[in-house]
Amino acid sequence: MDLQRTAREIGLFETAINLGKVKGSTEVVQKVGASMPLPDESVEDRIRQVADWLIGFGKHKYMFLLPEITLIEEMGRRVSNDEVEVIIAIPCDLEKEAKDRLVNNLPQSVKITILEEPFFPQSFFPGNGMLVISGYLGDDRAMVLPDTYRMVEHYRGFLGRKAFVPYVEISTAQRYEGWMEIVQQRVNTKWRKES
């Protein structure tokens, strides 16, 4: 069970939903516990809140550095198809089969463009767009997968808003195997769970 590979293809929020369904299994908890923090029960509420929060910025283009299909689908429910365009940056080494699965599973409720790194999107400026980076918050440290980390560094020249959206927040600074901390200066906005 390679959850990081799964998250690379469908996003952390969708992976968290799937994990929530089998969270009662001791075997799953043991296998997952070493590779990523387990989601809390309110992951669906978190998705709705994050979608509202992102749309609240009033941008036309949202560039995701991980294919957060569930979050994009939720955003599509809140706006009309021509109001928002989503750009999903995918790693250059993503397997062809994984790319095909991603393209086949994209929501139709919003205009989506797939952009393979290292390319830059057309007409993507601070006034009309923002980067969306997903991972988990561990004691206020933004933790991301290695591909996401590489893309954060690659697209760091973008001068607009760079929002970090955690699929889960944990109170410890525990670092899970394969996760990397992004420098605080690379992100200028973090989503926080409403109390």
N, C-alpha and C. Protein backbone atom coordinates (compact mmCIF):
# COMPACT_ATOMS: atom_id res chain seq x y z
N MET A 1 0.86 -1.17 0.00
CA MET A 1 0.00 0.00 0.00
C MET A 1 0.90 1.23 0.00
N ASP A 2 1.07 1.87 -1.14
CA ASP A 2 1.90 3.06 -1.25
C ASP A 2 0.99 4.28 -1.30
N LEU A 3 0.71 4.82 -0.13
CA LEU A 3 -0.23 5.94 -0.05
C LEU A 3 0.32 7.21 -0.66
N GLN A 4 1.61 7.40 -0.57
CA GLN A 4 2.18 8.61 -1.17
C GLN A 4 2.05 8.57 -2.69
N ARG A 5 2.19 7.39 -3.26
CA ARG A 5 2.00 7.25 -4.71
C ARG A 5 0.53 7.50 -5.07
N THR A 6 -0.37 6.98 -4.25
CA THR A 6 -1.80 7.21 -4.46
C THR A 6 -2.11 8.69 -4.38
N ALA A 7 -1.59 9.36 -3.36
CA ALA A 7 -1.83 10.80 -3.19
C ALA A 7 -1.28 11.59 -4.37
N ARG A 8 -0.20 11.12 -4.93
CA ARG A 8 0.40 11.78 -6.09
C ARG A 8 -0.55 11.75 -7.29
N GLU A 9 -1.42 10.74 -7.35
CA GLU A 9 -2.34 10.58 -8.48
C GLU A 9 -3.71 11.18 -8.23
N ILE A 10 -4.21 11.14 -6.98
CA ILE A 10 -5.58 11.61 -6.72
C ILE A 10 -5.65 12.74 -5.71
N GLY A 11 -4.54 13.05 -5.08
CA GLY A 11 -4.52 14.13 -4.11
C GLY A 11 -4.65 13.63 -2.68
N LEU A 12 -4.22 14.47 -1.75
CA LEU A 12 -4.24 14.10 -0.34
C LEU A 12 -5.64 14.08 0.25
N PHE A 13 -6.51 14.98 -0.21
CA PHE A 13 -7.85 15.03 0.35
C PHE A 13 -8.65 13.78 -0.02
N GLU A 14 -8.56 13.33 -1.27
CA GLU A 14 -9.24 12.11 -1.68
C GLU A 14 -8.65 10.89 -0.97
N THR A 15 -7.34 10.88 -0.82
CA THR A 15 -6.68 9.80 -0.08
C THR A 15 -7.17 9.79 1.36
N ALA A 16 -7.31 10.96 1.96
CA ALA A 16 -7.80 11.06 3.35
C ALA A 16 -9.22 10.53 3.48
N ILE A 17 -10.08 10.84 2.50
CA ILE A 17 -11.45 10.32 2.53
C ILE A 17 -11.43 8.80 2.47
N ASN A 18 -10.62 8.25 1.59
CA ASN A 18 -10.52 6.79 1.46
C ASN A 18 -9.97 6.16 2.74
N LEU A 19 -9.00 6.80 3.36
CA LEU A 19 -8.46 6.29 4.62
C LEU A 19 -9.49 6.35 5.75
N GLY A 20 -10.29 7.39 5.75
CA GLY A 20 -11.32 7.51 6.77
C GLY A 20 -12.30 6.35 6.76
N LYS A 21 -12.52 5.78 5.60
CA LYS A 21 -13.44 4.65 5.46
C LYS A 21 -12.90 3.36 6.07
N VAL A 22 -11.57 3.24 6.14
CA VAL A 22 -10.97 2.01 6.67
C VAL A 22 -10.15 2.28 7.93
N LYS A 23 -10.35 3.43 8.53
CA LYS A 23 -9.58 3.84 9.70
C LYS A 23 -9.78 2.92 10.90
N GLY A 24 -10.88 2.20 10.94
CA GLY A 24 -11.16 1.29 12.05
C GLY A 24 -10.30 0.04 12.05
N SER A 25 -9.64 -0.23 10.97
CA SER A 25 -8.81 -1.42 10.84
C SER A 25 -7.44 -1.19 11.48
N THR A 26 -7.09 -2.00 12.45
CA THR A 26 -5.80 -1.88 13.13
C THR A 26 -4.65 -2.07 12.16
N GLU A 27 -4.80 -3.01 11.23
CA GLU A 27 -3.76 -3.29 10.25
C GLU A 27 -3.50 -2.07 9.36
N VAL A 28 -4.56 -1.42 8.92
CA VAL A 28 -4.42 -0.22 8.07
C VAL A 28 -3.75 0.90 8.85
N VAL A 29 -4.18 1.10 10.09
CA VAL A 29 -3.60 2.17 10.91
C VAL A 29 -2.09 1.94 11.09
N GLN A 30 -1.68 0.70 11.30
CA GLN A 30 -0.26 0.41 11.47
C GLN A 30 0.52 0.67 10.19
N LYS A 31 -0.03 0.27 9.05
CA LYS A 31 0.66 0.47 7.77
C LYS A 31 0.73 1.95 7.40
N VAL A 32 -0.38 2.65 7.61
CA VAL A 32 -0.46 4.06 7.22
C VAL A 32 0.32 4.94 8.17
N GLY A 33 0.30 4.58 9.45
CA GLY A 33 0.89 5.42 10.49
C GLY A 33 2.33 5.82 10.25
N ALA A 34 3.09 5.03 9.54
CA ALA A 34 4.49 5.37 9.28
C ALA A 34 4.65 6.29 8.08
N SER A 35 3.66 6.34 7.20
CA SER A 35 3.86 7.10 5.97
C SER A 35 3.14 8.45 5.92
N MET A 36 2.08 8.60 6.71
CA MET A 36 1.37 9.88 6.70
C MET A 36 0.44 9.97 7.90
N PRO A 37 0.13 11.20 8.34
CA PRO A 37 -0.80 11.32 9.47
C PRO A 37 -2.21 10.90 9.05
N LEU A 38 -2.88 10.22 9.95
CA LEU A 38 -4.25 9.80 9.67
C LEU A 38 -5.17 11.02 9.70
N PRO A 39 -6.15 11.05 8.81
CA PRO A 39 -7.08 12.19 8.79
C PRO A 39 -8.03 12.13 9.98
N ASP A 40 -8.56 13.30 10.33
CA ASP A 40 -9.59 13.32 11.36
C ASP A 40 -10.94 13.03 10.72
N GLU A 41 -11.95 12.91 11.55
CA GLU A 41 -13.28 12.53 11.06
C GLU A 41 -13.94 13.60 10.19
N SER A 42 -13.48 14.82 10.31
CA SER A 42 -14.15 15.93 9.63
C SER A 42 -13.50 16.31 8.30
N VAL A 43 -12.92 15.34 7.59
CA VAL A 43 -12.21 15.67 6.35
C VAL A 43 -13.17 16.22 5.28
N GLU A 44 -14.41 15.72 5.23
CA GLU A 44 -15.36 16.25 4.25
C GLU A 44 -15.72 17.71 4.56
N ASP A 45 -15.89 18.02 5.86
CA ASP A 45 -16.15 19.41 6.25
C ASP A 45 -14.95 20.29 5.90
N ARG A 46 -13.77 19.77 6.13
CA ARG A 46 -12.54 20.51 5.81
C ARG A 46 -12.49 20.84 4.32
N ILE A 47 -12.86 19.89 3.49
CA ILE A 47 -12.84 20.10 2.04
C ILE A 47 -13.79 21.23 1.66
N ARG A 48 -14.98 21.22 2.21
CA ARG A 48 -15.94 22.29 1.92
C ARG A 48 -15.43 23.65 2.39
N GLN A 49 -14.86 23.68 3.58
CA GLN A 49 -14.33 24.95 4.12
C GLN A 49 -13.16 25.46 3.30
N VAL A 50 -12.26 24.57 2.90
CA VAL A 50 -11.11 24.97 2.09
C VAL A 50 -11.57 25.48 0.72
N ALA A 51 -12.54 24.80 0.12
CA ALA A 51 -13.07 25.24 -1.18
C ALA A 51 -13.65 26.65 -1.07
N ASP A 52 -14.45 26.90 -0.04
CA ASP A 52 -15.02 28.24 0.18
C ASP A 52 -13.91 29.26 0.38
N TRP A 53 -12.90 28.89 1.16
CA TRP A 53 -11.80 29.80 1.47
C TRP A 53 -11.03 30.17 0.20
N LEU A 54 -10.72 29.17 -0.63
CA LEU A 54 -9.98 29.44 -1.87
C LEU A 54 -10.79 30.32 -2.82
N ILE A 55 -12.06 30.02 -2.98
CA ILE A 55 -12.91 30.82 -3.87
C ILE A 55 -13.05 32.24 -3.35
N GLY A 56 -12.99 32.39 -2.04
CA GLY A 56 -13.08 33.71 -1.42
C GLY A 56 -11.99 34.68 -1.84
N PHE A 57 -10.90 34.19 -2.38
CA PHE A 57 -9.83 35.06 -2.85
C PHE A 57 -10.20 35.74 -4.16
N GLY A 58 -11.23 35.24 -4.83
CA GLY A 58 -11.71 35.86 -6.06
C GLY A 58 -10.77 35.74 -7.25
N LYS A 59 -9.96 34.73 -7.28
CA LYS A 59 -9.05 34.54 -8.40
C LYS A 59 -9.75 33.79 -9.53
N HIS A 60 -9.21 33.92 -10.72
CA HIS A 60 -9.77 33.21 -11.88
C HIS A 60 -9.02 31.89 -12.13
N LYS A 61 -7.73 31.86 -11.78
CA LYS A 61 -6.92 30.66 -12.02
C LYS A 61 -6.30 30.17 -10.72
N TYR A 62 -6.43 28.88 -10.50
CA TYR A 62 -5.85 28.23 -9.32
C TYR A 62 -4.93 27.13 -9.81
N MET A 63 -3.66 27.23 -9.48
CA MET A 63 -2.70 26.23 -9.92
C MET A 63 -2.39 25.31 -8.74
N PHE A 64 -2.80 24.05 -8.84
CA PHE A 64 -2.58 23.06 -7.80
C PHE A 64 -1.28 22.31 -8.10
N LEU A 65 -0.47 22.12 -7.06
CA LEU A 65 0.78 21.39 -7.22
C LEU A 65 0.62 19.92 -6.88
N LEU A 66 -0.61 19.50 -6.64
CA LEU A 66 -0.97 18.11 -6.44
C LEU A 66 -2.40 17.99 -6.96
N PRO A 67 -2.75 16.93 -7.64
CA PRO A 67 -4.10 16.85 -8.24
C PRO A 67 -5.19 16.59 -7.20
N GLU A 68 -5.59 17.63 -6.51
CA GLU A 68 -6.60 17.52 -5.46
C GLU A 68 -8.00 17.44 -6.09
N ILE A 69 -8.31 16.29 -6.65
CA ILE A 69 -9.54 16.10 -7.42
C ILE A 69 -10.78 16.42 -6.59
N THR A 70 -10.85 15.93 -5.38
CA THR A 70 -12.03 16.17 -4.53
C THR A 70 -12.20 17.64 -4.22
N LEU A 71 -11.12 18.32 -3.91
CA LEU A 71 -11.18 19.75 -3.60
C LEU A 71 -11.58 20.56 -4.84
N ILE A 72 -11.04 20.20 -5.97
CA ILE A 72 -11.39 20.89 -7.22
C ILE A 72 -12.86 20.67 -7.55
N GLU A 73 -13.33 19.46 -7.36
CA GLU A 73 -14.74 19.15 -7.60
C GLU A 73 -15.64 19.98 -6.68
N GLU A 74 -15.24 20.12 -5.44
CA GLU A 74 -16.02 20.93 -4.48
C GLU A 74 -16.01 22.40 -4.89
N MET A 75 -14.89 22.90 -5.37
CA MET A 75 -14.84 24.28 -5.86
C MET A 75 -15.77 24.46 -7.05
N GLY A 76 -15.83 23.44 -7.93
CA GLY A 76 -16.69 23.49 -9.11
C GLY A 76 -18.16 23.57 -8.76
N ARG A 77 -18.54 23.03 -7.60
CA ARG A 77 -19.94 23.11 -7.15
C ARG A 77 -20.32 24.51 -6.71
N ARG A 78 -19.33 25.34 -6.41
CA ARG A 78 -19.60 26.66 -5.85
C ARG A 78 -19.52 27.79 -6.86
N VAL A 79 -19.00 27.51 -8.05
CA VAL A 79 -18.87 28.54 -9.07
C VAL A 79 -19.30 27.97 -10.42
N SER A 80 -19.57 28.86 -11.34
CA SER A 80 -19.91 28.38 -12.69
C SER A 80 -18.63 28.01 -13.43
N ASN A 81 -18.77 27.21 -14.46
CA ASN A 81 -17.65 26.66 -15.20
C ASN A 81 -16.72 27.72 -15.78
N ASP A 82 -17.24 28.87 -16.14
CA ASP A 82 -16.39 29.90 -16.76
C ASP A 82 -15.78 30.87 -15.75
N GLU A 83 -16.14 30.76 -14.48
CA GLU A 83 -15.59 31.67 -13.47
C GLU A 83 -14.19 31.28 -13.03
N VAL A 84 -13.91 29.99 -12.99
CA VAL A 84 -12.66 29.50 -12.44
C VAL A 84 -12.00 28.51 -13.39
N GLU A 85 -10.70 28.65 -13.52
CA GLU A 85 -9.90 27.67 -14.28
C GLU A 85 -8.89 27.07 -13.31
N VAL A 86 -8.77 25.77 -13.35
CA VAL A 86 -7.81 25.06 -12.50
C VAL A 86 -6.70 24.52 -13.38
N ILE A 87 -5.49 24.74 -12.92
CA ILE A 87 -4.30 24.19 -13.58
C ILE A 87 -3.71 23.19 -12.61
N ILE A 88 -3.53 21.97 -13.04
CA ILE A 88 -2.90 20.95 -12.20
C ILE A 88 -1.51 20.70 -12.75
N ALA A 89 -0.52 21.07 -11.95
CA ALA A 89 0.87 20.80 -12.33
C ALA A 89 1.19 19.37 -11.90
N ILE A 90 1.67 18.59 -12.82
CA ILE A 90 2.01 17.20 -12.50
C ILE A 90 3.51 17.00 -12.67
N PRO A 91 4.09 16.11 -11.87
CA PRO A 91 5.52 15.87 -11.98
C PRO A 91 5.89 15.32 -13.35
N CYS A 92 7.05 15.70 -13.82
CA CYS A 92 7.49 15.27 -15.14
C CYS A 92 7.74 13.77 -15.20
N ASP A 93 7.94 13.13 -14.04
CA ASP A 93 8.22 11.70 -14.04
C ASP A 93 6.99 10.85 -13.69
N LEU A 94 5.81 11.45 -13.71
CA LEU A 94 4.59 10.68 -13.45
C LEU A 94 4.37 9.71 -14.61
N GLU A 95 4.11 8.45 -14.29
CA GLU A 95 3.94 7.42 -15.30
C GLU A 95 2.77 7.74 -16.23
N LYS A 96 2.87 7.29 -17.48
CA LYS A 96 1.83 7.55 -18.46
C LYS A 96 0.49 7.00 -18.02
N GLU A 97 0.46 5.81 -17.43
CA GLU A 97 -0.79 5.21 -16.96
C GLU A 97 -1.43 6.08 -15.88
N ALA A 98 -0.61 6.62 -14.99
CA ALA A 98 -1.12 7.49 -13.93
C ALA A 98 -1.68 8.79 -14.52
N LYS A 99 -1.00 9.33 -15.53
CA LYS A 99 -1.50 10.54 -16.20
C LYS A 99 -2.85 10.26 -16.85
N ASP A 100 -2.95 9.12 -17.51
CA ASP A 100 -4.21 8.75 -18.17
C ASP A 100 -5.33 8.60 -17.16
N ARG A 101 -5.05 7.94 -16.03
CA ARG A 101 -6.07 7.79 -14.98
C ARG A 101 -6.50 9.15 -14.45
N LEU A 102 -5.53 10.04 -14.26
CA LEU A 102 -5.84 11.39 -13.77
C LEU A 102 -6.76 12.11 -14.74
N VAL A 103 -6.40 12.11 -16.00
CA VAL A 103 -7.21 12.79 -17.02
C VAL A 103 -8.63 12.21 -17.07
N ASN A 104 -8.76 10.90 -16.95
CA ASN A 104 -10.07 10.26 -16.99
C ASN A 104 -10.93 10.54 -15.76
N ASN A 105 -10.30 10.93 -14.65
CA ASN A 105 -11.04 11.16 -13.40
C ASN A 105 -11.25 12.63 -13.08
N LEU A 106 -10.91 13.51 -13.99
CA LEU A 106 -11.08 14.94 -13.71
C LEU A 106 -12.54 15.34 -13.67
N PRO A 107 -12.91 16.19 -12.72
CA PRO A 107 -14.30 16.67 -12.68
C PRO A 107 -14.62 17.54 -13.89
N GLN A 108 -15.85 17.47 -14.34
CA GLN A 108 -16.29 18.24 -15.50
C GLN A 108 -16.89 19.59 -15.11
N SER A 109 -17.03 19.82 -13.81
CA SER A 109 -17.72 21.03 -13.35
C SER A 109 -16.86 22.28 -13.42
N VAL A 110 -15.60 22.14 -13.76
CA VAL A 110 -14.70 23.28 -13.84
C VAL A 110 -13.71 23.05 -14.97
N LYS A 111 -13.23 24.12 -15.57
CA LYS A 111 -12.24 23.99 -16.64
C LYS A 111 -10.90 23.63 -16.01
N ILE A 112 -10.30 22.53 -16.48
CA ILE A 112 -9.04 22.05 -15.91
C ILE A 112 -8.02 21.85 -17.03
N THR A 113 -6.81 22.32 -16.76
CA THR A 113 -5.69 22.15 -17.66
C THR A 113 -4.61 21.36 -16.92
N ILE A 114 -4.05 20.38 -17.58
CA ILE A 114 -2.93 19.63 -17.01
C ILE A 114 -1.64 20.25 -17.53
N LEU A 115 -0.75 20.57 -16.63
CA LEU A 115 0.52 21.20 -16.99
C LEU A 115 1.65 20.34 -16.43
N GLU A 116 2.49 19.85 -17.31
CA GLU A 116 3.60 19.03 -16.86
C GLU A 116 4.77 19.93 -16.49
N GLU A 117 5.32 19.69 -15.29
CA GLU A 117 6.50 20.47 -14.91
C GLU A 117 7.61 20.15 -15.90
N PRO A 118 8.44 21.02 -16.27
CA PRO A 118 8.81 22.30 -15.69
C PRO A 118 8.16 23.50 -16.38
N PHE A 119 7.10 23.28 -17.13
CA PHE A 119 6.50 24.38 -17.88
C PHE A 119 5.71 25.32 -16.99
N PHE A 120 5.54 26.54 -17.47
CA PHE A 120 4.79 27.56 -16.74
C PHE A 120 3.47 27.81 -17.47
N PRO A 121 2.40 28.07 -16.73
CA PRO A 121 1.11 28.30 -17.37
C PRO A 121 1.06 29.63 -18.12
N GLN A 122 0.22 29.68 -19.13
CA GLN A 122 0.00 30.91 -19.90
C GLN A 122 -0.91 31.85 -19.11
N SER A 123 -0.67 33.13 -19.21
CA SER A 123 -1.53 34.17 -18.62
C SER A 123 -1.87 33.88 -17.16
N PHE A 124 -0.88 33.53 -16.37
CA PHE A 124 -1.04 33.24 -14.95
C PHE A 124 -0.25 34.29 -14.19
N PHE A 125 -0.97 35.26 -13.61
CA PHE A 125 -0.34 36.41 -12.97
C PHE A 125 -0.84 36.56 -11.54
N PRO A 126 -0.13 37.32 -10.70
CA PRO A 126 -0.60 37.53 -9.32
C PRO A 126 -2.01 38.10 -9.23
N GLY A 127 -2.42 38.90 -10.20
CA GLY A 127 -3.76 39.48 -10.15
C GLY A 127 -4.88 38.51 -10.44
N ASN A 128 -4.60 37.46 -11.22
CA ASN A 128 -5.68 36.54 -11.60
C ASN A 128 -5.49 35.11 -11.10
N GLY A 129 -4.33 34.82 -10.48
CA GLY A 129 -4.09 33.44 -10.10
C GLY A 129 -3.40 33.27 -8.77
N MET A 130 -3.43 32.04 -8.28
CA MET A 130 -2.73 31.70 -7.05
C MET A 130 -2.30 30.25 -7.09
N LEU A 131 -1.22 29.95 -6.37
CA LEU A 131 -0.74 28.58 -6.23
C LEU A 131 -1.43 27.94 -5.03
N VAL A 132 -1.80 26.68 -5.15
CA VAL A 132 -2.40 25.94 -4.05
C VAL A 132 -1.50 24.74 -3.77
N ILE A 133 -0.98 24.72 -2.55
CA ILE A 133 -0.03 23.69 -2.13
C ILE A 133 -0.70 22.88 -1.03
N SER A 134 -0.73 21.57 -1.17
CA SER A 134 -1.37 20.75 -0.14
C SER A 134 -0.37 19.84 0.53
N GLY A 135 -0.68 19.55 1.79
CA GLY A 135 0.17 18.70 2.61
C GLY A 135 -0.49 18.55 3.98
N TYR A 136 0.32 18.48 5.02
CA TYR A 136 -0.22 18.48 6.38
C TYR A 136 0.54 19.49 7.22
N LEU A 137 -0.14 20.00 8.25
CA LEU A 137 0.50 20.90 9.20
C LEU A 137 0.89 20.10 10.42
N GLY A 138 2.15 20.15 10.77
CA GLY A 138 2.65 19.50 11.98
C GLY A 138 3.26 20.54 12.88
N ASP A 139 2.54 20.94 13.93
CA ASP A 139 3.01 21.97 14.85
C ASP A 139 3.37 23.25 14.07
N ASP A 140 2.48 23.64 13.18
CA ASP A 140 2.59 24.84 12.34
C ASP A 140 3.70 24.75 11.28
N ARG A 141 4.21 23.56 11.04
CA ARG A 141 5.19 23.34 9.97
C ARG A 141 4.46 22.75 8.77
N ALA A 142 4.65 23.37 7.62
CA ALA A 142 4.00 22.89 6.39
C ALA A 142 4.83 21.76 5.80
N MET A 143 4.23 20.57 5.77
CA MET A 143 4.91 19.38 5.28
C MET A 143 4.28 18.92 3.98
N VAL A 144 5.12 18.61 2.99
CA VAL A 144 4.64 18.22 1.66
C VAL A 144 5.40 16.99 1.17
N LEU A 145 4.86 16.37 0.13
CA LEU A 145 5.52 15.25 -0.51
C LEU A 145 6.71 15.75 -1.35
N PRO A 146 7.68 14.91 -1.63
CA PRO A 146 8.87 15.36 -2.37
C PRO A 146 8.58 16.02 -3.72
N ASP A 147 7.64 15.48 -4.49
CA ASP A 147 7.30 16.10 -5.78
C ASP A 147 6.77 17.52 -5.58
N THR A 148 5.91 17.66 -4.58
CA THR A 148 5.34 18.98 -4.28
C THR A 148 6.44 19.93 -3.86
N TYR A 149 7.34 19.46 -3.02
CA TYR A 149 8.47 20.29 -2.58
C TYR A 149 9.26 20.80 -3.78
N ARG A 150 9.57 19.88 -4.69
CA ARG A 150 10.34 20.25 -5.89
C ARG A 150 9.59 21.31 -6.71
N MET A 151 8.28 21.14 -6.85
CA MET A 151 7.51 22.10 -7.64
C MET A 151 7.37 23.44 -6.92
N VAL A 152 7.27 23.42 -5.59
CA VAL A 152 7.24 24.69 -4.83
C VAL A 152 8.51 25.47 -5.13
N GLU A 153 9.63 24.78 -5.13
CA GLU A 153 10.90 25.44 -5.43
C GLU A 153 10.95 25.92 -6.89
N HIS A 154 10.45 25.10 -7.79
CA HIS A 154 10.47 25.45 -9.21
C HIS A 154 9.62 26.68 -9.51
N TYR A 155 8.44 26.75 -8.90
CA TYR A 155 7.51 27.85 -9.18
C TYR A 155 7.62 28.98 -8.14
N ARG A 156 8.72 29.03 -7.40
CA ARG A 156 8.87 30.04 -6.35
C ARG A 156 8.93 31.46 -6.90
N GLY A 157 9.24 31.61 -8.18
CA GLY A 157 9.31 32.94 -8.78
C GLY A 157 7.95 33.59 -8.98
N PHE A 158 6.87 32.82 -8.82
CA PHE A 158 5.52 33.40 -8.93
C PHE A 158 5.33 34.36 -7.77
N LEU A 159 4.99 35.59 -8.06
CA LEU A 159 4.92 36.62 -7.03
C LEU A 159 3.54 36.78 -6.39
N GLY A 160 2.58 35.98 -6.82
CA GLY A 160 1.24 36.09 -6.25
C GLY A 160 1.08 35.25 -5.00
N ARG A 161 -0.17 35.06 -4.62
CA ARG A 161 -0.51 34.33 -3.42
C ARG A 161 -0.18 32.85 -3.58
N LYS A 162 0.45 32.31 -2.54
CA LYS A 162 0.77 30.88 -2.47
C LYS A 162 0.11 30.36 -1.21
N ALA A 163 -0.95 29.61 -1.38
CA ALA A 163 -1.75 29.14 -0.24
C ALA A 163 -1.44 27.70 0.09
N PHE A 164 -1.24 27.44 1.37
CA PHE A 164 -1.04 26.08 1.85
C PHE A 164 -2.34 25.58 2.45
N VAL A 165 -2.80 24.42 1.98
CA VAL A 165 -4.05 23.84 2.49
C VAL A 165 -3.76 22.44 3.03
N PRO A 166 -3.80 22.27 4.35
CA PRO A 166 -3.51 20.97 4.93
C PRO A 166 -4.74 20.06 4.93
N TYR A 167 -4.52 18.78 4.61
CA TYR A 167 -5.62 17.83 4.70
C TYR A 167 -5.84 17.43 6.15
N VAL A 168 -4.84 17.67 6.99
CA VAL A 168 -4.96 17.41 8.43
C VAL A 168 -3.94 18.29 9.15
N GLU A 169 -4.28 18.64 10.40
CA GLU A 169 -3.36 19.38 11.25
C GLU A 169 -3.09 18.53 12.47
N ILE A 170 -1.81 18.35 12.79
CA ILE A 170 -1.46 17.62 14.00
C ILE A 170 -0.68 18.55 14.92
N SER A 171 -0.73 18.26 16.21
CA SER A 171 -0.14 19.18 17.19
C SER A 171 1.35 18.92 17.43
N THR A 172 1.88 17.84 16.90
CA THR A 172 3.30 17.54 17.09
C THR A 172 4.07 17.86 15.82
N ALA A 173 5.37 17.98 15.99
CA ALA A 173 6.24 18.28 14.84
C ALA A 173 6.78 16.99 14.24
N GLN A 174 6.01 15.93 14.31
CA GLN A 174 6.45 14.64 13.79
C GLN A 174 6.63 14.71 12.28
N ARG A 175 7.75 14.18 11.83
CA ARG A 175 8.03 14.12 10.39
C ARG A 175 7.83 12.69 9.94
N TYR A 176 6.95 12.50 9.00
CA TYR A 176 6.68 11.17 8.48
C TYR A 176 7.65 10.86 7.35
N GLU A 177 7.91 9.60 7.16
CA GLU A 177 8.86 9.15 6.16
C GLU A 177 8.48 9.66 4.76
N GLY A 178 9.43 10.32 4.11
CA GLY A 178 9.21 10.79 2.75
C GLY A 178 8.63 12.19 2.64
N TRP A 179 8.29 12.83 3.76
CA TRP A 179 7.71 14.17 3.73
C TRP A 179 8.81 15.20 3.97
N MET A 180 8.63 16.40 3.41
CA MET A 180 9.61 17.46 3.55
C MET A 180 8.93 18.74 3.99
N GLU A 181 9.66 19.52 4.77
CA GLU A 181 9.12 20.80 5.23
C GLU A 181 9.46 21.88 4.21
N ILE A 182 8.44 22.67 3.86
CA ILE A 182 8.72 23.78 2.95
C ILE A 182 9.05 25.02 3.77
N VAL A 183 9.96 25.79 3.27
CA VAL A 183 10.39 27.01 3.95
C VAL A 183 9.20 27.95 4.07
N GLN A 184 9.04 28.54 5.25
CA GLN A 184 7.89 29.40 5.51
C GLN A 184 7.77 30.55 4.49
N GLN A 185 8.87 31.03 3.95
CA GLN A 185 8.83 32.13 2.99
C GLN A 185 8.23 31.71 1.65
N ARG A 186 8.13 30.41 1.38
CA ARG A 186 7.57 29.94 0.12
C ARG A 186 6.04 29.98 0.12
N VAL A 187 5.44 30.11 1.30
CA VAL A 187 3.99 30.14 1.44
C VAL A 187 3.61 31.44 2.14
N ASN A 188 2.65 32.19 1.59
CA ASN A 188 2.28 33.42 2.26
C ASN A 188 0.88 33.38 2.88
N THR A 189 0.18 32.27 2.74
CA THR A 189 -1.14 32.11 3.35
C THR A 189 -1.34 30.65 3.70
N LYS A 190 -1.85 30.39 4.92
CA LYS A 190 -2.17 29.03 5.34
C LYS A 190 -3.62 28.98 5.76
N TRP A 191 -4.29 27.92 5.33
CA TRP A 191 -5.66 27.70 5.77
C TRP A 191 -5.63 27.15 7.19
N ARG A 192 -6.52 27.65 8.04
CA ARG A 192 -6.64 27.17 9.42
C ARG A 192 -8.04 26.66 9.65
N LYS A 193 -8.15 25.56 10.34
CA LYS A 193 -9.46 25.01 10.66
C LYS A 193 -10.19 25.98 11.59
N GLU A 194 -11.47 26.20 11.24
CA GLU A 194 -12.27 27.09 12.08
C GLU A 194 -12.60 26.40 13.38
N SER A 195 -12.50 27.15 14.46
CA SER A 195 -12.76 26.56 15.79
C SER A 195 -14.24 26.41 16.05
